[in-house]
Amino acid sequence: MQGGHRREEIVITRLRLGHSDSVWAMAMRQTPLTCSGHTRPVVDLAFSGITAYGYFLISACKDGKPMLRQGDTGDWIGTFLGHKGAVWGATLNADATKAATAAADFTAKVWDAVSGDEVLTLAHKHIVKTVSFTQDSACLLTGGNDKLLRMYDLNSPEAAPQEMAGHSSAIKKALWCNSDRQILSASEDKTVRLWDRSSMEEVKTLTFDTSVSSMEYVADGEIVVITYGKTIGFYNALSLELIKTVEAPAPINSASLHPDKDFIVAGGEDFKLYKFDYSTKEELESYKGHFGPVHCVRFSPDGELYASGSEDGTLRLWQTAVGKTYGLWKCVLPGETGLFSFQ
């Protein structure tokens, strides 16, 4: 396997509770799976939906070589070769048959995610930062440093894209929402904007005091997660009305909401991953595994793990519930040893 990682073991610490007490407490620690292979910072990642073959994970990296992995184990499947500059954005369609990437070589590319072949190159006038498929994979949304949103009909790739203008600085993220009837865009102009697909008009704008670092759309419940500074904000995706905010201890670059809306995970400039209770906003856990700022974090579609990408060039997979047998984490009870071995 190119890149790859090793199977991990989690050591269970045995704590004696009293001088003559025979009761022992066991405390498990989070041990992430480390996926290497990239040679520069990992700046974006995305999961597919759950397919007949499991689910998949794509990563975008400044080394210009986006990678596809098995989502639950991190096992390397393939590398998409063709870009001539840093890749800033990457995504998979729901059934993981297509991939799309956004790059500094002024192109977005569409790939066959099964064969790895390049299907289409879409030329732009500046660096492309973000790509997003519609649910039927028939249309691709792009955005980047030329401040324009573009919608490409993938069934008629020779046709000129539809364009929407309004942002005054580079677009960092653009996503379909509301069953692909609307679009959300986040820009370095400190705004998040909601657009209507049919009229191609701006519907509403949110303005922030600082640049938005990331944006995630959760279709179930129509929630958009926006990070800026140390704040994680949750908004209604249809109205952009604020639902709640969570304050983190450090500047946050990315956050993700658990599919069941139980937890939030976030990562940022202090190299740590934070886990919060979505209802109470309480910080539950924090882990330091990366050796550089965390640029991106996302929950898997089944919610069993979350993936993080960092300046250190690695992806790491973290268990949502530590100690559960899942993927490469296997819980073994070896008789009297009192150890859980995660292999």
C-alpha atoms as a PDB file:
ATOM      1  CA  MET A   1       0.000   0.000   0.000  1.00  0.00           C
ATOM      2  CA  GLN A   2       1.394   3.392  -0.949  1.00  0.00           C
ATOM      3  CA  GLY A   3       1.431   5.801   1.965  1.00  0.00           C
ATOM      4  CA  GLY A   4      -0.338   3.664   4.508  1.00  0.00           C
ATOM      5  CA  HIS A   5      -0.371   3.437   8.253  1.00  0.00           C
ATOM      6  CA  ARG A   6       0.254   0.808  10.879  1.00  0.00           C
ATOM      7  CA  ARG A   7      -2.305  -0.919  13.003  1.00  0.00           C
ATOM      8  CA  GLU A   8      -2.571   0.754  16.359  1.00  0.00           C
ATOM      9  CA  GLU A   9      -2.652  -0.503  19.934  1.00  0.00           C
ATOM     10  CA  ILE A  10      -4.354   1.344  22.741  1.00  0.00           C
ATOM     11  CA  VAL A  11      -2.865   0.771  26.173  1.00  0.00           C
ATOM     12  CA  ILE A  12      -5.305   0.498  29.048  1.00  0.00           C
ATOM     13  CA  THR A  13      -3.981   2.135  32.204  1.00  0.00           C
ATOM     14  CA  ARG A  14      -4.843   0.201  35.365  1.00  0.00           C
ATOM     15  CA  LEU A  15      -5.470   2.432  38.358  1.00  0.00           C
ATOM     16  CA  ARG A  16      -5.683   1.006  41.864  1.00  0.00           C
ATOM     17  CA  LEU A  17      -8.486   2.668  43.770  1.00  0.00           C
ATOM     18  CA  GLY A  18      -7.345   1.945  47.356  1.00  0.00           C
ATOM     19  CA  HIS A  19      -4.528   0.512  49.481  1.00  0.00           C
ATOM     20  CA  SER A  20      -6.232  -2.862  49.875  1.00  0.00           C
ATOM     21  CA  ASP A  21      -8.938  -2.516  47.290  1.00  0.00           C
ATOM     22  CA  SER A  22      -8.962  -5.210  44.615  1.00  0.00           C
ATOM     23  CA  VAL A  23     -11.044  -3.098  42.247  1.00  0.00           C
ATOM     24  CA  TRP A  24      -9.157  -1.654  39.278  1.00  0.00           C
ATOM     25  CA  ALA A  25     -10.271   1.097  36.942  1.00  0.00           C
ATOM     26  CA  MET A  26      -9.277   1.066  33.317  1.00  0.00           C
ATOM     27  CA  ALA A  27      -8.871   4.276  31.330  1.00  0.00           C
ATOM     28  CA  MET A  28      -8.662   4.153  27.552  1.00  0.00           C
ATOM     29  CA  ARG A  29      -6.934   6.788  25.502  1.00  0.00           C
ATOM     30  CA  GLN A  30      -7.717   7.788  21.954  1.00  0.00           C
ATOM     31  CA  THR A  31      -5.236   6.311  19.472  1.00  0.00           C
ATOM     32  CA  PRO A  32      -5.728   7.632  15.937  1.00  0.00           C
ATOM     33  CA  LEU A  33      -4.821   5.783  12.762  1.00  0.00           C
ATOM     34  CA  THR A  34      -2.204   7.783  10.868  1.00  0.00           C
ATOM     35  CA  CYS A  35      -2.467   7.843   7.077  1.00  0.00           C
ATOM     36  CA  SER A  36       0.743   9.004   5.436  1.00  0.00           C
ATOM     37  CA  GLY A  37       1.628   9.357   1.760  1.00  0.00           C
ATOM     38  CA  HIS A  38       1.199  13.075   1.169  1.00  0.00           C
ATOM     39  CA  THR A  39       4.327  15.240   1.109  1.00  0.00           C
ATOM     40  CA  ARG A  40       2.791  18.660   1.813  1.00  0.00           C
ATOM     41  CA  PRO A  41      -0.020  20.027   4.005  1.00  0.00           C
ATOM     42  CA  VAL A  42      -3.438  18.361   3.719  1.00  0.00           C
ATOM     43  CA  VAL A  43      -5.948  21.178   3.247  1.00  0.00           C
ATOM     44  CA  ASP A  44      -9.289  19.513   2.498  1.00  0.00           C
ATOM     45  CA  LEU A  45     -11.015  16.151   2.830  1.00  0.00           C
ATOM     46  CA  ALA A  46     -14.430  14.677   2.132  1.00  0.00           C
ATOM     47  CA  PHE A  47     -16.273  11.413   2.648  1.00  0.00           C
ATOM     48  CA  SER A  48     -18.602   9.719   0.188  1.00  0.00           C
ATOM     49  CA  GLY A  49     -21.952   8.358   1.233  1.00  0.00           C
ATOM     50  CA  ILE A  50     -22.257   4.738   2.353  1.00  0.00           C
ATOM     51  CA  THR A  51     -22.120   2.404  -0.666  1.00  0.00           C
ATOM     52  CA  ALA A  52     -22.274  -1.365  -1.191  1.00  0.00           C
ATOM     53  CA  TYR A  53     -18.483  -1.343  -0.743  1.00  0.00           C
ATOM     54  CA  GLY A  54     -18.413   0.787   2.393  1.00  0.00           C
ATOM     55  CA  TYR A  55     -17.550   4.474   2.288  1.00  0.00           C
ATOM     56  CA  PHE A  56     -14.561   6.362   0.929  1.00  0.00           C
ATOM     57  CA  LEU A  57     -12.368   9.338   1.799  1.00  0.00           C
ATOM     58  CA  ILE A  58     -10.640  11.796  -0.538  1.00  0.00           C
ATOM     59  CA  SER A  59      -7.945  14.235   0.520  1.00  0.00           C
ATOM     60  CA  ALA A  60      -6.639  17.419  -1.127  1.00  0.00           C
ATOM     61  CA  CYS A  61      -3.023  18.365  -0.608  1.00  0.00           C
ATOM     62  CA  LYS A  62      -0.571  21.065  -1.632  1.00  0.00           C
ATOM     63  CA  ASP A  63       1.560  18.316  -3.206  1.00  0.00           C
ATOM     64  CA  GLY A  64      -0.926  18.324  -6.112  1.00  0.00           C
ATOM     65  CA  LYS A  65      -1.800  14.627  -5.703  1.00  0.00           C
ATOM     66  CA  PRO A  66      -5.259  14.014  -4.236  1.00  0.00           C
ATOM     67  CA  MET A  67      -5.666  10.542  -2.745  1.00  0.00           C
ATOM     68  CA  LEU A  68      -8.578   8.133  -2.391  1.00  0.00           C
ATOM     69  CA  ARG A  69      -8.805   5.862   0.655  1.00  0.00           C
ATOM     70  CA  GLN A  70     -11.133   3.339   2.210  1.00  0.00           C
ATOM     71  CA  GLY A  71     -13.004   5.472   4.697  1.00  0.00           C
ATOM     72  CA  ASP A  72     -13.181   3.180   7.729  1.00  0.00           C
ATOM     73  CA  THR A  73      -9.545   2.015   7.658  1.00  0.00           C
ATOM     74  CA  GLY A  74      -7.640   4.753   5.814  1.00  0.00           C
ATOM     75  CA  ASP A  75      -6.179   2.155   3.436  1.00  0.00           C
ATOM     76  CA  TRP A  76      -4.822   3.808   0.306  1.00  0.00           C
ATOM     77  CA  ILE A  77      -6.721   2.974  -2.902  1.00  0.00           C
ATOM     78  CA  GLY A  78      -5.226   5.353  -5.454  1.00  0.00           C
ATOM     79  CA  THR A  79      -3.805   8.760  -6.332  1.00  0.00           C
ATOM     80  CA  PHE A  80      -5.342  11.055  -8.956  1.00  0.00           C
ATOM     81  CA  LEU A  81      -2.476  12.272 -11.156  1.00  0.00           C
ATOM     82  CA  GLY A  82      -2.808  15.251 -13.505  1.00  0.00           C
ATOM     83  CA  HIS A  83      -2.784  18.542 -11.625  1.00  0.00           C
ATOM     84  CA  LYS A  84       0.242  20.828 -11.992  1.00  0.00           C
ATOM     85  CA  GLY A  85      -0.166  22.749  -8.751  1.00  0.00           C
ATOM     86  CA  ALA A  86      -1.467  22.541  -5.207  1.00  0.00           C
ATOM     87  CA  VAL A  87      -4.905  20.949  -4.850  1.00  0.00           C
ATOM     88  CA  TRP A  88      -7.080  23.070  -2.557  1.00  0.00           C
ATOM     89  CA  GLY A  89     -10.387  21.240  -2.673  1.00  0.00           C
ATOM     90  CA  ALA A  90     -11.636  17.695  -3.253  1.00  0.00           C
ATOM     91  CA  THR A  91     -14.968  15.921  -3.096  1.00  0.00           C
ATOM     92  CA  LEU A  92     -16.700  12.635  -3.956  1.00  0.00           C
ATOM     93  CA  ASN A  93     -20.227  12.123  -5.199  1.00  0.00           C
ATOM     94  CA  ALA A  94     -22.603  10.160  -2.990  1.00  0.00           C
ATOM     95  CA  ASP A  95     -21.894   6.704  -4.439  1.00  0.00           C
ATOM     96  CA  ALA A  96     -18.129   7.324  -4.808  1.00  0.00           C
ATOM     97  CA  THR A  97     -18.120   6.776  -8.581  1.00  0.00           C
ATOM     98  CA  LYS A  98     -16.911  10.305  -9.341  1.00  0.00           C
ATOM     99  CA  ALA A  99     -14.379  12.644  -7.755  1.00  0.00           C
ATOM    100  CA  ALA A 100     -13.743  16.342  -8.342  1.00  0.00           C
ATOM    101  CA  THR A 101     -10.736  18.478  -7.426  1.00  0.00           C
ATOM    102  CA  ALA A 102      -9.919  22.188  -7.362  1.00  0.00           C
ATOM    103  CA  ALA A 103      -6.357  23.349  -7.898  1.00  0.00           C
ATOM    104  CA  ALA A 104      -3.841  26.172  -8.177  1.00  0.00           C
ATOM    105  CA  ASP A 105      -3.207  25.301 -11.835  1.00  0.00           C
ATOM    106  CA  PHE A 106      -6.399  27.259 -12.683  1.00  0.00           C
ATOM    107  CA  THR A 107      -8.419  24.086 -13.278  1.00  0.00           C
ATOM    108  CA  ALA A 108     -11.062  21.922 -11.708  1.00  0.00           C
ATOM    109  CA  LYS A 109     -11.007  18.275 -12.735  1.00  0.00           C
ATOM    110  CA  VAL A 110     -13.605  15.519 -12.713  1.00  0.00           C
ATOM    111  CA  TRP A 111     -12.353  11.959 -12.285  1.00  0.00           C
ATOM    112  CA  ASP A 112     -13.679   8.422 -12.582  1.00  0.00           C
ATOM    113  CA  ALA A 113     -13.214   7.393  -8.948  1.00  0.00           C
ATOM    114  CA  VAL A 114     -13.319   3.690  -9.819  1.00  0.00           C
ATOM    115  CA  SER A 115     -10.633   3.642 -12.537  1.00  0.00           C
ATOM    116  CA  GLY A 116      -8.808   6.821 -11.468  1.00  0.00           C
ATOM    117  CA  ASP A 117      -9.018   8.224 -14.996  1.00  0.00           C
ATOM    118  CA  GLU A 118      -9.399  11.936 -15.624  1.00  0.00           C
ATOM    119  CA  VAL A 119     -12.800  12.559 -17.210  1.00  0.00           C
ATOM    120  CA  LEU A 120     -12.875  16.324 -17.624  1.00  0.00           C
ATOM    121  CA  THR A 121     -10.722  19.414 -17.124  1.00  0.00           C
ATOM    122  CA  LEU A 122     -12.552  22.691 -16.543  1.00  0.00           C
ATOM    123  CA  ALA A 123     -10.352  25.729 -17.200  1.00  0.00           C
ATOM    124  CA  HIS A 124     -10.688  28.769 -14.943  1.00  0.00           C
ATOM    125  CA  LYS A 125      -9.119  32.235 -14.910  1.00  0.00           C
ATOM    126  CA  HIS A 126      -7.541  31.897 -11.475  1.00  0.00           C
ATOM    127  CA  ILE A 127      -6.864  29.425  -8.647  1.00  0.00           C
ATOM    128  CA  VAL A 128      -9.840  27.136  -7.918  1.00  0.00           C
ATOM    129  CA  LYS A 129     -10.513  26.479  -4.234  1.00  0.00           C
ATOM    130  CA  THR A 130     -13.725  24.482  -3.992  1.00  0.00           C
ATOM    131  CA  VAL A 131     -15.825  21.905  -5.867  1.00  0.00           C
ATOM    132  CA  SER A 132     -19.220  20.365  -5.115  1.00  0.00           C
ATOM    133  CA  PHE A 133     -21.464  17.844  -6.940  1.00  0.00           C
ATOM    134  CA  THR A 134     -25.250  17.993  -7.035  1.00  0.00           C
ATOM    135  CA  GLN A 135     -26.976  14.919  -5.587  1.00  0.00           C
ATOM    136  CA  ASP A 136     -27.470  13.446  -9.066  1.00  0.00           C
ATOM    137  CA  SER A 137     -23.815  14.189 -10.004  1.00  0.00           C
ATOM    138  CA  ALA A 138     -25.026  16.017 -13.131  1.00  0.00           C
ATOM    139  CA  CYS A 139     -23.734  19.459 -12.150  1.00  0.00           C
ATOM    140  CA  LEU A 140     -20.485  20.685 -10.600  1.00  0.00           C
ATOM    141  CA  LEU A 141     -20.196  23.891  -8.594  1.00  0.00           C
ATOM    142  CA  THR A 142     -16.814  25.648  -8.414  1.00  0.00           C
ATOM    143  CA  GLY A 143     -15.406  28.732  -6.726  1.00  0.00           C
ATOM    144  CA  GLY A 144     -12.018  30.332  -6.232  1.00  0.00           C
ATOM    145  CA  ASN A 145      -9.802  33.366  -6.424  1.00  0.00           C
ATOM    146  CA  ASP A 146     -11.642  34.975  -9.345  1.00  0.00           C
ATOM    147  CA  LYS A 147     -14.587  35.584  -6.934  1.00  0.00           C
ATOM    148  CA  LEU A 148     -17.125  33.856  -9.223  1.00  0.00           C
ATOM    149  CA  LEU A 149     -19.382  30.866  -8.626  1.00  0.00           C
ATOM    150  CA  ARG A 150     -19.660  28.602 -11.657  1.00  0.00           C
ATOM    151  CA  MET A 151     -22.152  25.829 -12.380  1.00  0.00           C
ATOM    152  CA  TYR A 152     -21.054  23.269 -14.981  1.00  0.00           C
ATOM    153  CA  ASP A 153     -23.506  20.894 -16.671  1.00  0.00           C
ATOM    154  CA  LEU A 154     -21.462  17.682 -16.723  1.00  0.00           C
ATOM    155  CA  ASN A 155     -23.781  16.187 -19.336  1.00  0.00           C
ATOM    156  CA  SER A 156     -22.833  19.073 -21.678  1.00  0.00           C
ATOM    157  CA  PRO A 157     -19.230  19.854 -20.697  1.00  0.00           C
ATOM    158  CA  GLU A 158     -18.638  21.890 -23.843  1.00  0.00           C
ATOM    159  CA  ALA A 159     -21.323  24.382 -22.795  1.00  0.00           C
ATOM    160  CA  ALA A 160     -20.256  27.570 -20.996  1.00  0.00           C
ATOM    161  CA  PRO A 161     -20.917  27.461 -17.253  1.00  0.00           C
ATOM    162  CA  GLN A 162     -23.505  29.606 -15.539  1.00  0.00           C
ATOM    163  CA  GLU A 163     -21.795  32.256 -13.408  1.00  0.00           C
ATOM    164  CA  MET A 164     -22.794  34.176 -10.300  1.00  0.00           C
ATOM    165  CA  ALA A 165     -20.918  37.260  -9.090  1.00  0.00           C
ATOM    166  CA  GLY A 166     -21.156  39.160  -5.821  1.00  0.00           C
ATOM    167  CA  HIS A 167     -18.220  38.304  -3.595  1.00  0.00           C
ATOM    168  CA  SER A 168     -15.454  40.906  -3.379  1.00  0.00           C
ATOM    169  CA  SER A 169     -12.657  38.445  -2.470  1.00  0.00           C
ATOM    170  CA  ALA A 170     -11.697  34.844  -3.142  1.00  0.00           C
ATOM    171  CA  ILE A 171     -14.321  32.159  -2.539  1.00  0.00           C
ATOM    172  CA  LYS A 172     -13.065  29.538  -0.084  1.00  0.00           C
ATOM    173  CA  LYS A 173     -16.006  27.119  -0.042  1.00  0.00           C
ATOM    174  CA  ALA A 174     -19.181  26.636  -2.070  1.00  0.00           C
ATOM    175  CA  LEU A 175     -21.825  23.987  -1.404  1.00  0.00           C
ATOM    176  CA  TRP A 176     -25.217  22.941  -2.709  1.00  0.00           C
ATOM    177  CA  CYS A 177     -28.076  22.995  -0.190  1.00  0.00           C
ATOM    178  CA  ASN A 178     -31.862  22.688   0.033  1.00  0.00           C
ATOM    179  CA  SER A 179     -31.993  19.667  -2.351  1.00  0.00           C
ATOM    180  CA  ASP A 180     -29.679  21.490  -4.790  1.00  0.00           C
ATOM    181  CA  ARG A 181     -32.106  24.382  -5.183  1.00  0.00           C
ATOM    182  CA  GLN A 182     -29.780  26.798  -3.408  1.00  0.00           C
ATOM    183  CA  ILE A 183     -26.056  27.426  -2.965  1.00  0.00           C
ATOM    184  CA  LEU A 184     -23.992  28.501   0.040  1.00  0.00           C
ATOM    185  CA  SER A 185     -20.671  30.284  -0.476  1.00  0.00           C
ATOM    186  CA  ALA A 186     -18.007  31.442   1.994  1.00  0.00           C
ATOM    187  CA  SER A 187     -15.430  34.046   1.025  1.00  0.00           C
ATOM    188  CA  GLU A 188     -12.378  35.886   2.269  1.00  0.00           C
ATOM    189  CA  ASP A 189     -14.560  39.012   2.117  1.00  0.00           C
ATOM    190  CA  LYS A 190     -15.866  37.881   5.564  1.00  0.00           C
ATOM    191  CA  THR A 191     -19.277  36.882   4.242  1.00  0.00           C
ATOM    192  CA  VAL A 192     -21.339  33.746   3.741  1.00  0.00           C
ATOM    193  CA  ARG A 193     -23.967  34.117   1.039  1.00  0.00           C
ATOM    194  CA  LEU A 194     -27.070  32.141   0.116  1.00  0.00           C
ATOM    195  CA  TRP A 195     -27.979  31.988  -3.594  1.00  0.00           C
ATOM    196  CA  ASP A 196     -31.034  30.791  -5.493  1.00  0.00           C
ATOM    197  CA  ARG A 197     -30.111  28.394  -8.280  1.00  0.00           C
ATOM    198  CA  SER A 198     -32.997  29.122 -10.617  1.00  0.00           C
ATOM    199  CA  SER A 199     -32.889  32.933 -10.462  1.00  0.00           C
ATOM    200  CA  MET A 200     -29.090  32.994  -9.867  1.00  0.00           C
ATOM    201  CA  GLU A 201     -29.706  35.801  -7.398  1.00  0.00           C
ATOM    202  CA  GLU A 202     -28.269  36.346  -3.942  1.00  0.00           C
ATOM    203  CA  VAL A 203     -30.913  35.639  -1.284  1.00  0.00           C
ATOM    204  CA  LYS A 204     -29.162  36.573   1.956  1.00  0.00           C
ATOM    205  CA  THR A 205     -25.734  37.529   3.294  1.00  0.00           C
ATOM    206  CA  LEU A 206     -24.087  36.891   6.656  1.00  0.00           C
ATOM    207  CA  THR A 207     -21.227  39.255   7.550  1.00  0.00           C
ATOM    208  CA  PHE A 208     -18.546  38.401  10.109  1.00  0.00           C
ATOM    209  CA  ASP A 209     -15.852  40.403  11.893  1.00  0.00           C
ATOM    210  CA  THR A 210     -13.158  38.041  10.670  1.00  0.00           C
ATOM    211  CA  SER A 211     -12.616  35.742   7.710  1.00  0.00           C
ATOM    212  CA  VAL A 212     -14.625  32.515   7.622  1.00  0.00           C
ATOM    213  CA  SER A 213     -12.257  29.546   7.901  1.00  0.00           C
ATOM    214  CA  SER A 214     -14.634  26.716   6.953  1.00  0.00           C
ATOM    215  CA  MET A 215     -18.203  25.743   6.170  1.00  0.00           C
ATOM    216  CA  GLU A 216     -20.083  22.422   6.342  1.00  0.00           C
ATOM    217  CA  TYR A 217     -23.631  21.720   5.193  1.00  0.00           C
ATOM    218  CA  VAL A 218     -25.739  19.111   7.020  1.00  0.00           C
ATOM    219  CA  ALA A 219     -28.726  18.145   4.872  1.00  0.00           C
ATOM    220  CA  ASP A 220     -30.589  16.396   7.691  1.00  0.00           C
ATOM    221  CA  GLY A 221     -32.009  19.378   9.524  1.00  0.00           C
ATOM    222  CA  GLU A 222     -30.732  21.947   7.007  1.00  0.00           C
ATOM    223  CA  ILE A 223     -27.855  23.131   9.201  1.00  0.00           C
ATOM    224  CA  VAL A 224     -24.757  24.988   8.057  1.00  0.00           C
ATOM    225  CA  VAL A 225     -21.687  24.918  10.300  1.00  0.00           C
ATOM    226  CA  ILE A 226     -19.454  27.994   9.956  1.00  0.00           C
ATOM    227  CA  THR A 227     -16.125  28.576  11.724  1.00  0.00           C
ATOM    228  CA  TYR A 228     -14.505  31.968  12.227  1.00  0.00           C
ATOM    229  CA  GLY A 229     -11.875  32.887  14.798  1.00  0.00           C
ATOM    230  CA  LYS A 230     -12.473  30.722  17.877  1.00  0.00           C
ATOM    231  CA  THR A 231     -16.200  30.445  17.135  1.00  0.00           C
ATOM    232  CA  ILE A 232     -18.180  27.535  15.699  1.00  0.00           C
ATOM    233  CA  GLY A 233     -21.539  28.834  14.494  1.00  0.00           C
ATOM    234  CA  PHE A 234     -24.633  26.807  13.578  1.00  0.00           C
ATOM    235  CA  TYR A 235     -27.182  28.373  11.255  1.00  0.00           C
ATOM    236  CA  ASN A 236     -30.387  27.377   9.542  1.00  0.00           C
ATOM    237  CA  ALA A 237     -29.301  26.774   5.955  1.00  0.00           C
ATOM    238  CA  LEU A 238     -32.591  28.003   4.489  1.00  0.00           C
ATOM    239  CA  SER A 239     -32.802  31.312   6.352  1.00  0.00           C
ATOM    240  CA  LEU A 240     -29.230  31.765   7.682  1.00  0.00           C
ATOM    241  CA  GLU A 241     -30.767  32.427  11.093  1.00  0.00           C
ATOM    242  CA  LEU A 242     -28.387  31.686  13.962  1.00  0.00           C
ATOM    243  CA  ILE A 243     -29.121  28.515  15.962  1.00  0.00           C
ATOM    244  CA  LYS A 244     -26.213  28.576  18.421  1.00  0.00           C
ATOM    245  CA  THR A 245     -22.482  29.197  18.758  1.00  0.00           C
ATOM    246  CA  VAL A 246     -19.750  27.248  20.537  1.00  0.00           C
ATOM    247  CA  GLU A 247     -16.528  28.908  21.643  1.00  0.00           C
ATOM    248  CA  ALA A 248     -13.292  26.915  21.342  1.00  0.00           C
ATOM    249  CA  PRO A 249     -10.032  27.498  23.278  1.00  0.00           C
ATOM    250  CA  ALA A 250      -8.028  28.273  20.128  1.00  0.00           C
ATOM    251  CA  PRO A 251      -8.590  29.591  16.581  1.00  0.00           C
ATOM    252  CA  ILE A 252     -10.528  26.954  14.643  1.00  0.00           C
ATOM    253  CA  ASN A 253      -9.908  26.080  10.986  1.00  0.00           C
ATOM    254  CA  SER A 254     -12.616  23.441  10.565  1.00  0.00           C
ATOM    255  CA  ALA A 255     -15.538  21.828  12.385  1.00  0.00           C
ATOM    256  CA  SER A 256     -17.990  19.009  11.737  1.00  0.00           C
ATOM    257  CA  LEU A 257     -21.358  18.020  13.230  1.00  0.00           C
ATOM    258  CA  HIS A 258     -22.034  14.344  14.009  1.00  0.00           C
ATOM    259  CA  PRO A 259     -24.761  12.793  11.788  1.00  0.00           C
ATOM    260  CA  ASP A 260     -26.921  12.225  14.872  1.00  0.00           C
ATOM    261  CA  LYS A 261     -26.177  15.777  16.063  1.00  0.00           C
ATOM    262  CA  ASP A 262     -24.746  14.495  19.339  1.00  0.00           C
ATOM    263  CA  PHE A 263     -21.242  15.883  18.990  1.00  0.00           C
ATOM    264  CA  ILE A 264     -19.115  18.512  17.285  1.00  0.00           C
ATOM    265  CA  VAL A 265     -15.463  17.980  16.423  1.00  0.00           C
ATOM    266  CA  ALA A 266     -13.145  20.858  15.564  1.00  0.00           C
ATOM    267  CA  GLY A 267      -9.465  21.460  14.877  1.00  0.00           C
ATOM    268  CA  GLY A 268      -7.273  24.481  14.431  1.00  0.00           C
ATOM    269  CA  GLU A 269      -4.091  26.360  15.086  1.00  0.00           C
ATOM    270  CA  ASP A 270      -3.052  24.665  18.359  1.00  0.00           C
ATOM    271  CA  PHE A 271      -2.646  21.238  16.654  1.00  0.00           C
ATOM    272  CA  LYS A 272      -5.512  19.787  18.744  1.00  0.00           C
ATOM    273  CA  LEU A 273      -8.813  18.069  17.969  1.00  0.00           C
ATOM    274  CA  TYR A 274     -11.704  19.136  20.198  1.00  0.00           C
ATOM    275  CA  LYS A 275     -14.963  17.283  20.814  1.00  0.00           C
ATOM    276  CA  PHE A 276     -17.996  19.148  22.174  1.00  0.00           C
ATOM    277  CA  ASP A 277     -21.495  18.097  23.200  1.00  0.00           C
ATOM    278  CA  TYR A 278     -23.809  19.712  20.644  1.00  0.00           C
ATOM    279  CA  SER A 279     -26.687  20.206  23.100  1.00  0.00           C
ATOM    280  CA  THR A 280     -24.798  21.525  26.127  1.00  0.00           C
ATOM    281  CA  LYS A 281     -21.777  22.978  24.243  1.00  0.00           C
ATOM    282  CA  GLU A 282     -19.525  21.379  26.873  1.00  0.00           C
ATOM    283  CA  GLU A 283     -15.996  20.430  25.826  1.00  0.00           C
ATOM    284  CA  LEU A 284     -15.837  16.641  26.248  1.00  0.00           C
ATOM    285  CA  GLU A 285     -12.341  15.766  25.023  1.00  0.00           C
ATOM    286  CA  SER A 286      -9.290  17.201  23.347  1.00  0.00           C
ATOM    287  CA  TYR A 287      -6.489  15.302  21.629  1.00  0.00           C
ATOM    288  CA  LYS A 288      -3.115  16.306  20.271  1.00  0.00           C
ATOM    289  CA  GLY A 289      -1.937  13.947  17.564  1.00  0.00           C
ATOM    290  CA  HIS A 290      -0.856  16.183  14.721  1.00  0.00           C
ATOM    291  CA  PHE A 291       2.452  18.028  14.515  1.00  0.00           C
ATOM    292  CA  GLY A 292       1.020  21.105  12.820  1.00  0.00           C
ATOM    293  CA  PRO A 293      -2.214  23.102  12.585  1.00  0.00           C
ATOM    294  CA  VAL A 294      -5.339  21.105  11.724  1.00  0.00           C
ATOM    295  CA  HIS A 295      -6.789  22.366   8.427  1.00  0.00           C
ATOM    296  CA  CYS A 296      -9.823  20.111   7.977  1.00  0.00           C
ATOM    297  CA  VAL A 297     -11.989  17.696   9.979  1.00  0.00           C
ATOM    298  CA  ARG A 298     -15.074  15.682   9.003  1.00  0.00           C
ATOM    299  CA  PHE A 299     -17.258  12.975  10.518  1.00  0.00           C
ATOM    300  CA  SER A 300     -17.700   9.770   8.544  1.00  0.00           C
ATOM    301  CA  PRO A 301     -21.216   9.200   7.143  1.00  0.00           C
ATOM    302  CA  ASP A 302     -21.962   6.568   9.811  1.00  0.00           C
ATOM    303  CA  GLY A 303     -20.584   8.793  12.577  1.00  0.00           C
ATOM    304  CA  GLU A 304     -18.240   6.097  13.904  1.00  0.00           C
ATOM    305  CA  LEU A 305     -15.071   8.098  13.251  1.00  0.00           C
ATOM    306  CA  TYR A 306     -13.816  11.470  12.156  1.00  0.00           C
ATOM    307  CA  ALA A 307     -10.896  12.325   9.903  1.00  0.00           C
ATOM    308  CA  SER A 308      -8.490  15.233  10.244  1.00  0.00           C
ATOM    309  CA  GLY A 309      -5.943  16.690   7.842  1.00  0.00           C
ATOM    310  CA  SER A 310      -2.990  18.802   8.904  1.00  0.00           C
ATOM    311  CA  GLU A 311      -0.073  21.013   7.990  1.00  0.00           C
ATOM    312  CA  ASP A 312       2.087  18.019   8.973  1.00  0.00           C
ATOM    313  CA  GLY A 313       1.079  16.216   5.744  1.00  0.00           C
ATOM    314  CA  THR A 314      -0.926  13.442   7.381  1.00  0.00           C
ATOM    315  CA  LEU A 315      -4.530  12.368   7.701  1.00  0.00           C
ATOM    316  CA  ARG A 316      -5.615  10.856  10.997  1.00  0.00           C
ATOM    317  CA  LEU A 317      -8.716   8.808  11.776  1.00  0.00           C
ATOM    318  CA  TRP A 318     -10.185   9.105  15.278  1.00  0.00           C
ATOM    319  CA  GLN A 319     -12.852   6.972  16.963  1.00  0.00           C
ATOM    320  CA  THR A 320     -16.021   8.757  18.037  1.00  0.00           C
ATOM    321  CA  ALA A 321     -16.524   6.161  20.819  1.00  0.00           C
ATOM    322  CA  VAL A 322     -13.099   5.055  22.052  1.00  0.00           C
ATOM    323  CA  GLY A 323     -12.872   1.316  22.775  1.00  0.00           C
ATOM    324  CA  LYS A 324     -15.378   0.130  20.178  1.00  0.00           C
ATOM    325  CA  THR A 325     -14.457  -2.574  17.674  1.00  0.00           C
ATOM    326  CA  TYR A 326     -14.579  -0.829  14.302  1.00  0.00           C
ATOM    327  CA  GLY A 327     -12.405  -0.771  11.184  1.00  0.00           C
ATOM    328  CA  LEU A 328      -8.807  -1.470  12.246  1.00  0.00           C
ATOM    329  CA  TRP A 329      -9.617  -0.931  15.913  1.00  0.00           C
ATOM    330  CA  LYS A 330     -10.337  -4.341  17.383  1.00  0.00           C
ATOM    331  CA  CYS A 331     -11.226  -4.853  21.020  1.00  0.00           C
ATOM    332  CA  VAL A 332      -9.562  -7.978  22.437  1.00  0.00           C
ATOM    333  CA  LEU A 333     -10.057  -9.174  26.003  1.00  0.00           C
ATOM    334  CA  PRO A 334      -7.075 -11.433  26.681  1.00  0.00           C
ATOM    335  CA  GLY A 335      -8.234 -13.206  29.819  1.00  0.00           C
ATOM    336  CA  GLU A 336      -6.580 -11.976  33.005  1.00  0.00           C
ATOM    337  CA  THR A 337      -4.290  -9.381  31.458  1.00  0.00           C
ATOM    338  CA  GLY A 338      -6.748  -6.534  31.828  1.00  0.00           C
ATOM    339  CA  LEU A 339      -5.776  -5.031  28.484  1.00  0.00           C
ATOM    340  CA  PHE A 340      -7.783  -3.981  25.482  1.00  0.00           C
ATOM    341  CA  SER A 341      -5.669  -4.424  22.361  1.00  0.00           C
ATOM    342  CA  PHE A 342      -6.580  -2.353  19.338  1.00  0.00           C
ATOM    343  CA  GLN A 343      -4.888  -3.825  16.304  1.00  0.00           C
END
